[in-house]
Amino acid sequence: MVGNNLFNIKAFIPLMPSMAKKIRITNAVLLLSTAVPTWLVSETLTPQIVQAYTNRVDLEITRFPGDNYQSLLRRAEAVARAAAQRSFDKDILVTDVSVVVSAQNYGAIAPVLELNVSRTQWRNRPDTQRWAKYFKMARTLLFFGQNTKNANNATPEVTEQVTPEVNPQPPEENATPAQNPESEIDVEVE
């Protein structure tokens, strides 16, 4: 009986490749006929993902001749406010704005403020002072409060230090007066 089963299987083997091809083609047609319409329906029904992004703006302002540090800060705030509003108005996909305002004074450049704000925060309260981060060292780096001649020319300061002569004995009446000690001059370069 086992031998008869082998005979029947051997007779069936030549038909296998042609049946396997038909089965593969049928599976492929069935798969493609259901997958492609399913993909098309899902793409048309689901909303597209919005690609929101942060807009970064770097600005530089120059100190005017009569400006003090506070007036420079007010101008930096006004420039940052205008840049943020312009960024939100120009592109509807912008969700966040980052504005860095740098100032220039006598050739020195330093960041003065950074404004990081989202669209909803800006819509609710468009106040630069509320959302800005001020850099404390900007005043020093821009030479405000210092002599502008030293900041501009970088000339060394000359300081005199006089060393007093130590004379442990009281002067004698007949003695000649002592010579004035020479003063030492130290040069400090910033």
C-alpha atoms as a PDB file:
ATOM      1  CA  MET A   1       0.000   0.000   0.000  1.00  0.00           C
ATOM      2  CA  VAL A   2       2.831   2.337   0.708  1.00  0.00           C
ATOM      3  CA  GLY A   3       4.225   1.658  -2.755  1.00  0.00           C
ATOM      4  CA  ASN A   4       0.955   2.582  -4.410  1.00  0.00           C
ATOM      5  CA  ASN A   5       0.878   5.935  -2.624  1.00  0.00           C
ATOM      6  CA  LEU A   6       4.334   6.734  -3.910  1.00  0.00           C
ATOM      7  CA  PHE A   7       3.243   5.957  -7.403  1.00  0.00           C
ATOM      8  CA  ASN A   8       0.313   8.306  -7.173  1.00  0.00           C
ATOM      9  CA  ILE A   9       2.487  11.117  -5.797  1.00  0.00           C
ATOM     10  CA  LYS A  10       5.053  10.633  -8.573  1.00  0.00           C
ATOM     11  CA  ALA A  11       2.318  10.998 -11.129  1.00  0.00           C
ATOM     12  CA  PHE A  12       1.186  14.234  -9.448  1.00  0.00           C
ATOM     13  CA  ILE A  13       4.701  15.855  -9.239  1.00  0.00           C
ATOM     14  CA  PRO A  14       4.950  16.973 -12.909  1.00  0.00           C
ATOM     15  CA  LEU A  15       1.747  18.971 -12.469  1.00  0.00           C
ATOM     16  CA  MET A  16       3.075  20.861  -9.364  1.00  0.00           C
ATOM     17  CA  PRO A  17       5.089  23.631 -11.097  1.00  0.00           C
ATOM     18  CA  SER A  18       2.188  24.727 -13.290  1.00  0.00           C
ATOM     19  CA  MET A  19      -0.200  24.694 -10.310  1.00  0.00           C
ATOM     20  CA  ALA A  20       2.300  26.544  -8.128  1.00  0.00           C
ATOM     21  CA  LYS A  21       2.571  29.285 -10.738  1.00  0.00           C
ATOM     22  CA  LYS A  22      -1.193  29.635 -10.844  1.00  0.00           C
ATOM     23  CA  ILE A  23      -1.346  29.786  -7.040  1.00  0.00           C
ATOM     24  CA  ARG A  24       1.384  32.470  -6.891  1.00  0.00           C
ATOM     25  CA  ILE A  25      -0.288  34.576  -9.579  1.00  0.00           C
ATOM     26  CA  THR A  26      -3.643  34.261  -7.866  1.00  0.00           C
ATOM     27  CA  ASN A  27      -2.150  35.333  -4.519  1.00  0.00           C
ATOM     28  CA  ALA A  28      -0.386  38.302  -6.111  1.00  0.00           C
ATOM     29  CA  VAL A  29      -3.513  39.480  -7.924  1.00  0.00           C
ATOM     30  CA  LEU A  30      -5.595  39.087  -4.770  1.00  0.00           C
ATOM     31  CA  LEU A  31      -3.034  40.921  -2.649  1.00  0.00           C
ATOM     32  CA  LEU A  32      -2.623  43.826  -5.075  1.00  0.00           C
ATOM     33  CA  SER A  33      -6.335  44.143  -5.711  1.00  0.00           C
ATOM     34  CA  THR A  34      -6.969  44.655  -1.990  1.00  0.00           C
ATOM     35  CA  ALA A  35      -3.809  46.511  -0.913  1.00  0.00           C
ATOM     36  CA  VAL A  36      -3.807  49.313  -3.497  1.00  0.00           C
ATOM     37  CA  PRO A  37      -7.419  50.436  -2.916  1.00  0.00           C
ATOM     38  CA  THR A  38      -6.914  50.202   0.846  1.00  0.00           C
ATOM     39  CA  TRP A  39      -3.851  52.454   0.609  1.00  0.00           C
ATOM     40  CA  LEU A  40      -5.679  54.968  -1.604  1.00  0.00           C
ATOM     41  CA  VAL A  41      -8.650  55.141   0.767  1.00  0.00           C
ATOM     42  CA  SER A  42      -6.428  55.608   3.824  1.00  0.00           C
ATOM     43  CA  GLU A  43      -4.432  58.421   2.140  1.00  0.00           C
ATOM     44  CA  THR A  44      -7.525  60.311   1.078  1.00  0.00           C
ATOM     45  CA  LEU A  45      -9.426  59.985   4.348  1.00  0.00           C
ATOM     46  CA  THR A  46      -6.661  60.704   6.856  1.00  0.00           C
ATOM     47  CA  PRO A  47      -5.559  64.334   7.202  1.00  0.00           C
ATOM     48  CA  GLN A  48      -2.051  65.296   6.204  1.00  0.00           C
ATOM     49  CA  ILE A  49       0.475  65.837   8.981  1.00  0.00           C
ATOM     50  CA  VAL A  50       1.378  69.497   9.358  1.00  0.00           C
ATOM     51  CA  GLN A  51       5.094  70.166   9.300  1.00  0.00           C
ATOM     52  CA  ALA A  52       5.443  72.939  11.892  1.00  0.00           C
ATOM     53  CA  TYR A  53       8.841  74.436  12.619  1.00  0.00           C
ATOM     54  CA  THR A  54      10.749  77.099  14.503  1.00  0.00           C
ATOM     55  CA  ASN A  55      11.941  80.171  12.658  1.00  0.00           C
ATOM     56  CA  ARG A  56      15.325  81.493  13.820  1.00  0.00           C
ATOM     57  CA  VAL A  57      16.318  85.117  13.197  1.00  0.00           C
ATOM     58  CA  ASP A  58      19.675  86.706  14.062  1.00  0.00           C
ATOM     59  CA  LEU A  59      19.774  90.515  14.015  1.00  0.00           C
ATOM     60  CA  GLU A  60      22.467  93.080  14.703  1.00  0.00           C
ATOM     61  CA  ILE A  61      22.039  96.712  15.728  1.00  0.00           C
ATOM     62  CA  THR A  62      24.673  99.421  16.051  1.00  0.00           C
ATOM     63  CA  ARG A  63      24.928 101.913  18.885  1.00  0.00           C
ATOM     64  CA  PHE A  64      24.037 105.490  17.955  1.00  0.00           C
ATOM     65  CA  PRO A  65      26.407 108.253  19.146  1.00  0.00           C
ATOM     66  CA  GLY A  66      24.211 109.442  22.045  1.00  0.00           C
ATOM     67  CA  ASP A  67      22.882 106.031  23.121  1.00  0.00           C
ATOM     68  CA  ASN A  68      23.222 104.709  26.617  1.00  0.00           C
ATOM     69  CA  TYR A  69      22.703 101.039  27.443  1.00  0.00           C
ATOM     70  CA  GLN A  70      18.994 101.425  28.296  1.00  0.00           C
ATOM     71  CA  SER A  71      18.170 103.119  24.987  1.00  0.00           C
ATOM     72  CA  LEU A  72      20.105 100.395  23.167  1.00  0.00           C
ATOM     73  CA  LEU A  73      18.019  97.753  24.977  1.00  0.00           C
ATOM     74  CA  ARG A  74      14.767  99.514  24.029  1.00  0.00           C
ATOM     75  CA  ARG A  75      15.817  99.535  20.368  1.00  0.00           C
ATOM     76  CA  ALA A  76      16.782  95.841  20.604  1.00  0.00           C
ATOM     77  CA  GLU A  77      13.354  95.025  22.062  1.00  0.00           C
ATOM     78  CA  ALA A  78      11.598  96.935  19.270  1.00  0.00           C
ATOM     79  CA  VAL A  79      13.641  95.149  16.602  1.00  0.00           C
ATOM     80  CA  ALA A  80      12.962  91.740  18.204  1.00  0.00           C
ATOM     81  CA  ARG A  81       9.239  92.485  18.440  1.00  0.00           C
ATOM     82  CA  ALA A  82       9.056  93.452  14.752  1.00  0.00           C
ATOM     83  CA  ALA A  83      11.041  90.371  13.693  1.00  0.00           C
ATOM     84  CA  ALA A  84       8.811  88.009  15.681  1.00  0.00           C
ATOM     85  CA  GLN A  85       5.625  89.543  14.293  1.00  0.00           C
ATOM     86  CA  ARG A  86       7.019  89.451  10.752  1.00  0.00           C
ATOM     87  CA  SER A  87       7.979  85.766  11.146  1.00  0.00           C
ATOM     88  CA  PHE A  88       4.499  84.775  12.312  1.00  0.00           C
ATOM     89  CA  ASP A  89       2.797  86.847   9.597  1.00  0.00           C
ATOM     90  CA  LYS A  90       5.014  85.580   6.787  1.00  0.00           C
ATOM     91  CA  ASP A  91       4.572  81.824   7.314  1.00  0.00           C
ATOM     92  CA  ILE A  92       1.519  80.163   8.846  1.00  0.00           C
ATOM     93  CA  LEU A  93       3.412  76.932   9.573  1.00  0.00           C
ATOM     94  CA  VAL A  94       5.822  78.646  11.988  1.00  0.00           C
ATOM     95  CA  THR A  95       4.902  77.607  15.523  1.00  0.00           C
ATOM     96  CA  ASP A  96       7.877  79.077  17.396  1.00  0.00           C
ATOM     97  CA  VAL A  97      10.173  82.039  16.795  1.00  0.00           C
ATOM     98  CA  SER A  98      13.674  82.510  18.162  1.00  0.00           C
ATOM     99  CA  VAL A  99      15.166  85.986  17.715  1.00  0.00           C
ATOM    100  CA  VAL A 100      18.695  86.857  18.883  1.00  0.00           C
ATOM    101  CA  VAL A 101      19.589  90.551  18.832  1.00  0.00           C
ATOM    102  CA  SER A 102      23.274  91.453  18.986  1.00  0.00           C
ATOM    103  CA  ALA A 103      24.587  94.979  19.477  1.00  0.00           C
ATOM    104  CA  GLN A 104      27.757  96.600  18.218  1.00  0.00           C
ATOM    105  CA  ASN A 105      29.616  99.303  20.121  1.00  0.00           C
ATOM    106  CA  TYR A 106      33.081 100.536  19.077  1.00  0.00           C
ATOM    107  CA  GLY A 107      33.778  97.297  17.227  1.00  0.00           C
ATOM    108  CA  ALA A 108      32.683  95.032  20.096  1.00  0.00           C
ATOM    109  CA  ILE A 109      29.717  92.782  19.307  1.00  0.00           C
ATOM    110  CA  ALA A 110      27.705  90.907  21.935  1.00  0.00           C
ATOM    111  CA  PRO A 111      24.225  89.368  22.134  1.00  0.00           C
ATOM    112  CA  VAL A 112      21.897  91.650  24.075  1.00  0.00           C
ATOM    113  CA  LEU A 113      18.657  89.673  24.192  1.00  0.00           C
ATOM    114  CA  GLU A 114      17.043  86.470  22.974  1.00  0.00           C
ATOM    115  CA  LEU A 115      13.322  86.205  22.314  1.00  0.00           C
ATOM    116  CA  ASN A 116      11.856  82.679  22.299  1.00  0.00           C
ATOM    117  CA  VAL A 117       8.075  82.623  21.945  1.00  0.00           C
ATOM    118  CA  SER A 118       5.408  80.342  20.515  1.00  0.00           C
ATOM    119  CA  ARG A 119       2.599  81.513  18.270  1.00  0.00           C
ATOM    120  CA  THR A 120      -0.059  81.054  20.964  1.00  0.00           C
ATOM    121  CA  GLN A 121       2.007  82.920  23.566  1.00  0.00           C
ATOM    122  CA  TRP A 122       2.602  85.773  21.128  1.00  0.00           C
ATOM    123  CA  ARG A 123      -1.081  85.897  20.143  1.00  0.00           C
ATOM    124  CA  ASN A 124      -2.140  86.123  23.803  1.00  0.00           C
ATOM    125  CA  ARG A 125       0.529  88.616  24.869  1.00  0.00           C
ATOM    126  CA  PRO A 126       2.819  90.195  22.244  1.00  0.00           C
ATOM    127  CA  ASP A 127       5.165  91.742  24.806  1.00  0.00           C
ATOM    128  CA  THR A 128       8.891  91.493  24.149  1.00  0.00           C
ATOM    129  CA  GLN A 129       9.869  92.157  27.763  1.00  0.00           C
ATOM    130  CA  ARG A 130       7.707  89.248  28.912  1.00  0.00           C
ATOM    131  CA  TRP A 131       9.296  86.619  26.676  1.00  0.00           C
ATOM    132  CA  ALA A 132      12.834  87.972  26.235  1.00  0.00           C
ATOM    133  CA  LYS A 133      15.954  86.698  27.964  1.00  0.00           C
ATOM    134  CA  TYR A 134      18.479  89.461  28.651  1.00  0.00           C
ATOM    135  CA  PHE A 135      22.194  88.760  28.714  1.00  0.00           C
ATOM    136  CA  LYS A 136      23.769  90.310  31.813  1.00  0.00           C
ATOM    137  CA  MET A 137      27.338  90.468  30.524  1.00  0.00           C
ATOM    138  CA  ALA A 138      26.380  92.404  27.388  1.00  0.00           C
ATOM    139  CA  ARG A 139      26.824  95.757  29.135  1.00  0.00           C
ATOM    140  CA  THR A 140      30.388  94.862  30.103  1.00  0.00           C
ATOM    141  CA  LEU A 141      31.255  93.261  26.772  1.00  0.00           C
ATOM    142  CA  LEU A 142      30.019  96.334  24.898  1.00  0.00           C
ATOM    143  CA  PHE A 143      32.085  98.692  27.105  1.00  0.00           C
ATOM    144  CA  PHE A 144      29.125 100.592  28.556  1.00  0.00           C
ATOM    145  CA  GLY A 145      30.023 102.363  31.760  1.00  0.00           C
ATOM    146  CA  GLN A 146      33.711 102.434  30.829  1.00  0.00           C
ATOM    147  CA  ASN A 147      35.831 105.107  29.250  1.00  0.00           C
ATOM    148  CA  THR A 148      35.147 104.788  25.538  1.00  0.00           C
ATOM    149  CA  LYS A 149      38.634 106.047  24.646  1.00  0.00           C
ATOM    150  CA  ASN A 150      40.196 103.036  26.370  1.00  0.00           C
ATOM    151  CA  ALA A 151      37.697 100.697  24.762  1.00  0.00           C
ATOM    152  CA  ASN A 152      38.300 102.109  21.317  1.00  0.00           C
ATOM    153  CA  ASN A 153      42.070 102.585  21.273  1.00  0.00           C
ATOM    154  CA  ALA A 154      43.006  99.851  23.745  1.00  0.00           C
ATOM    155  CA  THR A 155      45.778 102.041  25.137  1.00  0.00           C
ATOM    156  CA  PRO A 156      47.442 100.788  28.296  1.00  0.00           C
ATOM    157  CA  GLU A 157      46.769 102.580  31.530  1.00  0.00           C
ATOM    158  CA  VAL A 158      49.785 104.012  33.321  1.00  0.00           C
ATOM    159  CA  THR A 159      49.639 104.091  37.098  1.00  0.00           C
ATOM    160  CA  GLU A 160      52.291 105.503  39.362  1.00  0.00           C
ATOM    161  CA  GLN A 161      53.204 103.793  42.557  1.00  0.00           C
ATOM    162  CA  VAL A 162      55.509 105.673  44.875  1.00  0.00           C
ATOM    163  CA  THR A 163      57.390 103.584  47.391  1.00  0.00           C
ATOM    164  CA  PRO A 164      58.186 105.567  50.523  1.00  0.00           C
ATOM    165  CA  GLU A 165      61.716 105.453  51.820  1.00  0.00           C
ATOM    166  CA  VAL A 166      61.971 103.728  55.135  1.00  0.00           C
ATOM    167  CA  ASN A 167      64.362 105.567  57.431  1.00  0.00           C
ATOM    168  CA  PRO A 168      64.502 103.964  60.875  1.00  0.00           C
ATOM    169  CA  GLN A 169      66.837 106.620  62.346  1.00  0.00           C
ATOM    170  CA  PRO A 170      65.742 110.174  62.886  1.00  0.00           C
ATOM    171  CA  PRO A 171      67.535 112.637  60.640  1.00  0.00           C
ATOM    172  CA  GLU A 172      70.581 114.339  62.064  1.00  0.00           C
ATOM    173  CA  GLU A 173      70.766 118.085  62.218  1.00  0.00           C
ATOM    174  CA  ASN A 174      74.004 118.359  60.216  1.00  0.00           C
ATOM    175  CA  ALA A 175      73.113 115.693  57.667  1.00  0.00           C
ATOM    176  CA  THR A 176      72.257 116.567  54.130  1.00  0.00           C
ATOM    177  CA  PRO A 177      68.679 115.881  53.069  1.00  0.00           C
ATOM    178  CA  ALA A 178      68.068 112.542  51.418  1.00  0.00           C
ATOM    179  CA  GLN A 179      67.409 112.388  47.706  1.00  0.00           C
ATOM    180  CA  ASN A 180      63.760 111.920  46.668  1.00  0.00           C
ATOM    181  CA  PRO A 181      63.147 108.294  45.855  1.00  0.00           C
ATOM    182  CA  GLU A 182      62.483 107.563  42.217  1.00  0.00           C
ATOM    183  CA  SER A 183      58.934 106.593  41.498  1.00  0.00           C
ATOM    184  CA  GLU A 184      58.281 103.268  39.859  1.00  0.00           C
ATOM    185  CA  ILE A 185      55.918 103.128  36.916  1.00  0.00           C
ATOM    186  CA  ASP A 186      53.968  99.944  36.224  1.00  0.00           C
ATOM    187  CA  VAL A 187      52.297  99.530  32.889  1.00  0.00           C
ATOM    188  CA  GLU A 188      49.130  97.423  32.893  1.00  0.00           C
ATOM    189  CA  VAL A 189      47.803  96.224  29.575  1.00  0.00           C
ATOM    190  CA  GLU A 190      44.181  95.189  29.407  1.00  0.00           C
END
